[in-house]
Every structure is written in structure tokens, then in C-alpha cells.
Amino acid sequence: MDRIIQMIINAVLRQLVNRGVRSGIDYATRGGKPASALSPEERAQSQDANALARRARQAANLAKRLGR
């Protein structure tokens, strides 16, 4: 019985942590100026931030798979 409860708790905690990670990444990369109003330097920085967020999401998913 304890194992079943522990499995349920782990599944719920995993979902909450993943939701928190996704929310944090989305918050960190939320919008600013429209893309048309950005200078070339700002556009490059925005693209780098989006790529970093995408890699962080991939790393979180990989960690989730390895944790199972």
C-alpha cells in the first residue's frame, strides 16, 4: 500500500516540478518589443534566449525520462 501511495505522490510531484520549470522558462523569455521593432543586436539576443529556453526544456525532458 505504501508503494502505491508513494508512486502517486511521485507522479504528482513530477508534474508540478515540470509545470514550474516550464512556467519559469516562459516567464524568463516572455515578450518584449515586437520583432519588427528590434534592432539587429536585440533580435540576435532574443533568438539566443529562445534557443537557450528550448535547450533547457529539452534538458528538463531528458532529466524527467532518466528519472523514471
PDB file of N, CA and C in Angstrom:
ATOM      1  N   MET A   1       0.825  -1.198   0.000  1.00  0.00           N
ATOM      2  CA  MET A   1       0.000   0.000   0.000  1.00  0.00           C
ATOM      3  C   MET A   1       0.866   1.258   0.000  1.00  0.00           C
ATOM      4  N   ASP A   2       1.962   1.222   0.768  1.00  0.00           N
ATOM      5  CA  ASP A   2       2.844   2.384   0.824  1.00  0.00           C
ATOM      6  C   ASP A   2       3.473   2.683  -0.540  1.00  0.00           C
ATOM      7  N   ARG A   3       3.806   1.633  -1.277  1.00  0.00           N
ATOM      8  CA  ARG A   3       4.415   1.836  -2.589  1.00  0.00           C
ATOM      9  C   ARG A   3       3.457   2.511  -3.553  1.00  0.00           C
ATOM     10  N   ILE A   4       2.197   2.119  -3.510  1.00  0.00           N
ATOM     11  CA  ILE A   4       1.204   2.725  -4.402  1.00  0.00           C
ATOM     12  C   ILE A   4       1.055   4.207  -4.090  1.00  0.00           C
ATOM     13  N   ILE A   5       0.963   4.525  -2.812  1.00  0.00           N
ATOM     14  CA  ILE A   5       0.835   5.937  -2.410  1.00  0.00           C
ATOM     15  C   ILE A   5       2.076   6.714  -2.821  1.00  0.00           C
ATOM     16  N   GLN A   6       3.249   6.137  -2.620  1.00  0.00           N
ATOM     17  CA  GLN A   6       4.498   6.799  -2.985  1.00  0.00           C
ATOM     18  C   GLN A   6       4.577   7.018  -4.501  1.00  0.00           C
ATOM     19  N   MET A   7       4.124   6.056  -5.282  1.00  0.00           N
ATOM     20  CA  MET A   7       4.119   6.209  -6.739  1.00  0.00           C
ATOM     21  C   MET A   7       3.204   7.350  -7.167  1.00  0.00           C
ATOM     22  N   ILE A   8       2.043   7.441  -6.534  1.00  0.00           N
ATOM     23  CA  ILE A   8       1.107   8.516  -6.868  1.00  0.00           C
ATOM     24  C   ILE A   8       1.702   9.874  -6.488  1.00  0.00           C
ATOM     25  N   ILE A   9       2.286   9.948  -5.303  1.00  0.00           N
ATOM     26  CA  ILE A   9       2.901  11.205  -4.851  1.00  0.00           C
ATOM     27  C   ILE A   9       4.033  11.609  -5.789  1.00  0.00           C
ATOM     28  N   ASN A  10       4.871  10.649  -6.189  1.00  0.00           N
ATOM     29  CA  ASN A  10       5.977  10.957  -7.102  1.00  0.00           C
ATOM     30  C   ASN A  10       5.468  11.461  -8.444  1.00  0.00           C
ATOM     31  N   ALA A  11       4.419  10.854  -8.968  1.00  0.00           N
ATOM     32  CA  ALA A  11       3.865  11.293 -10.250  1.00  0.00           C
ATOM     33  C   ALA A  11       3.341  12.720 -10.151  1.00  0.00           C
ATOM     34  N   VAL A  12       2.641  13.017  -9.069  1.00  0.00           N
ATOM     35  CA  VAL A  12       2.096  14.374  -8.892  1.00  0.00           C
ATOM     36  C   VAL A  12       3.227  15.380  -8.728  1.00  0.00           C
ATOM     37  N   LEU A  13       4.225  15.049  -7.922  1.00  0.00           N
ATOM     38  CA  LEU A  13       5.350  15.962  -7.729  1.00  0.00           C
ATOM     39  C   LEU A  13       6.107  16.196  -9.033  1.00  0.00           C
ATOM     40  N   ARG A  14       6.281  15.160  -9.824  1.00  0.00           N
ATOM     41  CA  ARG A  14       6.969  15.297 -11.111  1.00  0.00           C
ATOM     42  C   ARG A  14       6.230  16.271 -12.008  1.00  0.00           C
ATOM     43  N   GLN A  15       4.904  16.149 -12.062  1.00  0.00           N
ATOM     44  CA  GLN A  15       4.118  17.058 -12.887  1.00  0.00           C
ATOM     45  C   GLN A  15       4.214  18.497 -12.383  1.00  0.00           C
ATOM     46  N   LEU A  16       4.186  18.670 -11.064  1.00  0.00           N
ATOM     47  CA  LEU A  16       4.277  20.024 -10.504  1.00  0.00           C
ATOM     48  C   LEU A  16       5.638  20.654 -10.791  1.00  0.00           C
ATOM     49  N   VAL A  17       6.699  19.879 -10.644  1.00  0.00           N
ATOM     50  CA  VAL A  17       8.041  20.406 -10.920  1.00  0.00           C
ATOM     51  C   VAL A  17       8.170  20.766 -12.394  1.00  0.00           C
ATOM     52  N   ASN A  18       7.684  19.901 -13.276  1.00  0.00           N
ATOM     53  CA  ASN A  18       7.762  20.199 -14.711  1.00  0.00           C
ATOM     54  C   ASN A  18       6.959  21.441 -15.058  1.00  0.00           C
ATOM     55  N   ARG A  19       5.791  21.591 -14.455  1.00  0.00           N
ATOM     56  CA  ARG A  19       4.989  22.785 -14.697  1.00  0.00           C
ATOM     57  C   ARG A  19       5.725  24.027 -14.211  1.00  0.00           C
ATOM     58  N   GLY A  20       6.383  23.916 -13.051  1.00  0.00           N
ATOM     59  CA  GLY A  20       7.153  25.049 -12.531  1.00  0.00           C
ATOM     60  C   GLY A  20       8.323  25.402 -13.426  1.00  0.00           C
ATOM     61  N   VAL A  21       9.017  24.401 -13.927  1.00  0.00           N
ATOM     62  CA  VAL A  21      10.149  24.652 -14.829  1.00  0.00           C
ATOM     63  C   VAL A  21       9.660  25.334 -16.099  1.00  0.00           C
ATOM     64  N   ARG A  22       8.590  24.809 -16.684  1.00  0.00           N
ATOM     65  CA  ARG A  22       8.054  25.419 -17.897  1.00  0.00           C
ATOM     66  C   ARG A  22       7.598  26.852 -17.645  1.00  0.00           C
ATOM     67  N   SER A  23       6.944  27.081 -16.520  1.00  0.00           N
ATOM     68  CA  SER A  23       6.475  28.438 -16.202  1.00  0.00           C
ATOM     69  C   SER A  23       7.650  29.388 -16.026  1.00  0.00           C
ATOM     70  N   GLY A  24       8.687  28.919 -15.357  1.00  0.00           N
ATOM     71  CA  GLY A  24       9.869  29.756 -15.155  1.00  0.00           C
ATOM     72  C   GLY A  24      10.552  30.097 -16.457  1.00  0.00           C
ATOM     73  N   ILE A  25      10.662  29.116 -17.341  1.00  0.00           N
ATOM     74  CA  ILE A  25      11.278  29.363 -18.644  1.00  0.00           C
ATOM     75  C   ILE A  25      10.431  30.338 -19.444  1.00  0.00           C
ATOM     76  N   ASP A  26       9.133  30.133 -19.445  1.00  0.00           N
ATOM     77  CA  ASP A  26       8.246  31.043 -20.172  1.00  0.00           C
ATOM     78  C   ASP A  26       8.304  32.450 -19.600  1.00  0.00           C
ATOM     79  N   TYR A  27       8.374  32.561 -18.282  1.00  0.00           N
ATOM     80  CA  TYR A  27       8.455  33.875 -17.646  1.00  0.00           C
ATOM     81  C   TYR A  27       9.759  34.573 -18.016  1.00  0.00           C
ATOM     82  N   ALA A  28      10.851  33.816 -18.041  1.00  0.00           N
ATOM     83  CA  ALA A  28      12.154  34.404 -18.339  1.00  0.00           C
ATOM     84  C   ALA A  28      12.254  34.854 -19.793  1.00  0.00           C
ATOM     85  N   THR A  29      11.511  34.211 -20.681  1.00  0.00           N
ATOM     86  CA  THR A  29      11.608  34.539 -22.102  1.00  0.00           C
ATOM     87  C   THR A  29      10.346  35.210 -22.626  1.00  0.00           C
ATOM     88  N   ARG A  30       9.556  35.786 -21.735  1.00  0.00           N
ATOM     89  CA  ARG A  30       8.301  36.401 -22.175  1.00  0.00           C
ATOM     90  C   ARG A  30       8.600  37.599 -23.075  1.00  0.00           C
ATOM     91  N   GLY A  31       7.565  38.018 -23.753  1.00  0.00           N
ATOM     92  CA  GLY A  31       7.695  39.032 -24.791  1.00  0.00           C
ATOM     93  C   GLY A  31       8.232  40.361 -24.315  1.00  0.00           C
ATOM     94  N   GLY A  32       8.620  41.125 -25.229  1.00  0.00           N
ATOM     95  CA  GLY A  32       9.090  42.480 -25.005  1.00  0.00           C
ATOM     96  C   GLY A  32       8.552  43.314 -26.143  1.00  0.00           C
ATOM     97  N   LYS A  33       9.459  43.851 -26.940  1.00  0.00           N
ATOM     98  CA  LYS A  33       9.056  44.604 -28.119  1.00  0.00           C
ATOM     99  C   LYS A  33       8.640  43.633 -29.225  1.00  0.00           C
ATOM    100  N   PRO A  34       7.812  44.086 -30.142  1.00  0.00           N
ATOM    101  CA  PRO A  34       7.515  43.247 -31.308  1.00  0.00           C
ATOM    102  C   PRO A  34       8.794  43.019 -32.127  1.00  0.00           C
ATOM    103  N   ALA A  35       8.849  41.924 -32.845  1.00  0.00           N
ATOM    104  CA  ALA A  35      10.057  41.563 -33.594  1.00  0.00           C
ATOM    105  C   ALA A  35      10.433  42.637 -34.609  1.00  0.00           C
ATOM    106  N   SER A  36       9.452  43.330 -35.161  1.00  0.00           N
ATOM    107  CA  SER A  36       9.749  44.345 -36.175  1.00  0.00           C
ATOM    108  C   SER A  36      10.421  45.581 -35.576  1.00  0.00           C
ATOM    109  N   ALA A  37      10.273  45.795 -34.268  1.00  0.00           N
ATOM    110  CA  ALA A  37      10.826  46.990 -33.633  1.00  0.00           C
ATOM    111  C   ALA A  37      12.206  46.736 -33.026  1.00  0.00           C
ATOM    112  N   LEU A  38      12.745  45.534 -33.186  1.00  0.00           N
ATOM    113  CA  LEU A  38      14.030  45.208 -32.581  1.00  0.00           C
ATOM    114  C   LEU A  38      15.182  45.584 -33.497  1.00  0.00           C
ATOM    115  N   SER A  39      16.276  45.999 -32.864  1.00  0.00           N
ATOM    116  CA  SER A  39      17.493  46.233 -33.629  1.00  0.00           C
ATOM    117  C   SER A  39      18.130  44.869 -33.923  1.00  0.00           C
ATOM    118  N   PRO A  40      19.064  44.805 -34.845  1.00  0.00           N
ATOM    119  CA  PRO A  40      19.701  43.512 -35.149  1.00  0.00           C
ATOM    120  C   PRO A  40      20.360  42.867 -33.926  1.00  0.00           C
ATOM    121  N   GLU A  41      20.950  43.675 -33.050  1.00  0.00           N
ATOM    122  CA  GLU A  41      21.577  43.122 -31.845  1.00  0.00           C
ATOM    123  C   GLU A  41      20.526  42.540 -30.907  1.00  0.00           C
ATOM    124  N   GLU A  42      19.423  43.281 -30.742  1.00  0.00           N
ATOM    125  CA  GLU A  42      18.343  42.801 -29.876  1.00  0.00           C
ATOM    126  C   GLU A  42      17.702  41.539 -30.454  1.00  0.00           C
ATOM    127  N   ARG A  43      17.569  41.488 -31.760  1.00  0.00           N
ATOM    128  CA  ARG A  43      16.982  40.309 -32.403  1.00  0.00           C
ATOM    129  C   ARG A  43      17.871  39.083 -32.183  1.00  0.00           C
ATOM    130  N   ALA A  44      19.197  39.263 -32.314  1.00  0.00           N
ATOM    131  CA  ALA A  44      20.128  38.153 -32.095  1.00  0.00           C
ATOM    132  C   ALA A  44      20.064  37.683 -30.642  1.00  0.00           C
ATOM    133  N   GLN A  45      19.976  38.644 -29.718  1.00  0.00           N
ATOM    134  CA  GLN A  45      19.886  38.286 -28.303  1.00  0.00           C
ATOM    135  C   GLN A  45      18.581  37.536 -28.012  1.00  0.00           C
ATOM    136  N   SER A  46      17.499  37.961 -28.637  1.00  0.00           N
ATOM    137  CA  SER A  46      16.216  37.293 -28.446  1.00  0.00           C
ATOM    138  C   SER A  46      16.256  35.871 -28.993  1.00  0.00           C
ATOM    139  N   GLN A  47      16.857  35.693 -30.150  1.00  0.00           N
ATOM    140  CA  GLN A  47      16.967  34.361 -30.731  1.00  0.00           C
ATOM    141  C   GLN A  47      17.827  33.453 -29.860  1.00  0.00           C
ATOM    142  N   ASP A  48      18.918  34.014 -29.306  1.00  0.00           N
ATOM    143  CA  ASP A  48      19.773  33.239 -28.399  1.00  0.00           C
ATOM    144  C   ASP A  48      19.002  32.828 -27.144  1.00  0.00           C
ATOM    145  N   ALA A  49      18.193  33.731 -26.614  1.00  0.00           N
ATOM    146  CA  ALA A  49      17.405  33.416 -25.415  1.00  0.00           C
ATOM    147  C   ALA A  49      16.379  32.328 -25.712  1.00  0.00           C
ATOM    148  N   ASN A  50      15.763  32.407 -26.876  1.00  0.00           N
ATOM    149  CA  ASN A  50      14.791  31.371 -27.245  1.00  0.00           C
ATOM    150  C   ASN A  50      15.464  30.022 -27.432  1.00  0.00           C
ATOM    151  N   ALA A  51      16.649  30.030 -28.033  1.00  0.00           N
ATOM    152  CA  ALA A  51      17.383  28.771 -28.213  1.00  0.00           C
ATOM    153  C   ALA A  51      17.786  28.198 -26.855  1.00  0.00           C
ATOM    154  N   LEU A  52      18.196  29.057 -25.945  1.00  0.00           N
ATOM    155  CA  LEU A  52      18.562  28.610 -24.601  1.00  0.00           C
ATOM    156  C   LEU A  52      17.351  28.020 -23.880  1.00  0.00           C
ATOM    157  N   ALA A  53      16.204  28.655 -24.013  1.00  0.00           N
ATOM    158  CA  ALA A  53      14.986  28.142 -23.388  1.00  0.00           C
ATOM    159  C   ALA A  53      14.609  26.786 -23.980  1.00  0.00           C
ATOM    160  N   ARG A  54      14.763  26.658 -25.283  1.00  0.00           N
ATOM    161  CA  ARG A  54      14.446  25.379 -25.933  1.00  0.00           C
ATOM    162  C   ARG A  54      15.380  24.271 -25.431  1.00  0.00           C
ATOM    163  N   ARG A  55      16.674  24.587 -25.294  1.00  0.00           N
ATOM    164  CA  ARG A  55      17.624  23.597 -24.773  1.00  0.00           C
ATOM    165  C   ARG A  55      17.317  23.262 -23.324  1.00  0.00           C
ATOM    166  N   ALA A  56      16.893  24.255 -22.541  1.00  0.00           N
ATOM    167  CA  ALA A  56      16.544  23.993 -21.137  1.00  0.00           C
ATOM    168  C   ALA A  56      15.331  23.079 -21.047  1.00  0.00           C
ATOM    169  N   ARG A  57      14.343  23.303 -21.923  1.00  0.00           N
ATOM    170  CA  ARG A  57      13.176  22.427 -21.950  1.00  0.00           C
ATOM    171  C   ARG A  57      13.567  21.003 -22.326  1.00  0.00           C
ATOM    172  N   GLN A  58      14.454  20.874 -23.308  1.00  0.00           N
ATOM    173  CA  GLN A  58      14.915  19.548 -23.717  1.00  0.00           C
ATOM    174  C   GLN A  58      15.662  18.867 -22.579  1.00  0.00           C
ATOM    175  N   ALA A  59      16.490  19.626 -21.858  1.00  0.00           N
ATOM    176  CA  ALA A  59      17.231  19.053 -20.732  1.00  0.00           C
ATOM    177  C   ALA A  59      16.279  18.618 -19.622  1.00  0.00           C
ATOM    178  N   ALA A  60      15.243  19.405 -19.390  1.00  0.00           N
ATOM    179  CA  ALA A  60      14.264  19.037 -18.373  1.00  0.00           C
ATOM    180  C   ALA A  60      13.531  17.759 -18.765  1.00  0.00           C
ATOM    181  N   ASN A  61      13.196  17.643 -20.044  1.00  0.00           N
ATOM    182  CA  ASN A  61      12.522  16.423 -20.500  1.00  0.00           C
ATOM    183  C   ASN A  61      13.448  15.226 -20.409  1.00  0.00           C
ATOM    184  N   LEU A  62      14.722  15.402 -20.738  1.00  0.00           N
ATOM    185  CA  LEU A  62      15.683  14.303 -20.638  1.00  0.00           C
ATOM    186  C   LEU A  62      15.845  13.882 -19.183  1.00  0.00           C
ATOM    187  N   ALA A  63      15.947  14.840 -18.279  1.00  0.00           N
ATOM    188  CA  ALA A  63      16.075  14.520 -16.857  1.00  0.00           C
ATOM    189  C   ALA A  63      14.832  13.785 -16.357  1.00  0.00           C
ATOM    190  N   LYS A  64      13.688  14.187 -16.876  1.00  0.00           N
ATOM    191  CA  LYS A  64      12.434  13.527 -16.489  1.00  0.00           C
ATOM    192  C   LYS A  64      12.459  12.070 -16.953  1.00  0.00           C
ATOM    193  N   ARG A  65      12.939  11.833 -18.197  1.00  0.00           N
ATOM    194  CA  ARG A  65      12.990  10.470 -18.709  1.00  0.00           C
ATOM    195  C   ARG A  65      14.004   9.621 -17.932  1.00  0.00           C
ATOM    196  N   LEU A  66      15.142  10.216 -17.603  1.00  0.00           N
ATOM    197  CA  LEU A  66      16.160   9.468 -16.863  1.00  0.00           C
ATOM    198  C   LEU A  66      15.727   9.168 -15.438  1.00  0.00           C
ATOM    199  N   GLY A  67      14.886  10.014 -14.871  1.00  0.00           N
ATOM    200  CA  GLY A  67      14.413   9.836 -13.502  1.00  0.00           C
ATOM    201  C   GLY A  67      13.384   8.747 -13.353  1.00  0.00           C
ATOM    202  N   ARG A  68      12.872   8.260 -14.439  1.00  0.00           N
ATOM    203  CA  ARG A  68      11.820   7.238 -14.352  1.00  0.00           C
ATOM    204  C   ARG A  68      12.408   5.875 -14.125  1.00  0.00           C
TER     205      ARG A  68
END
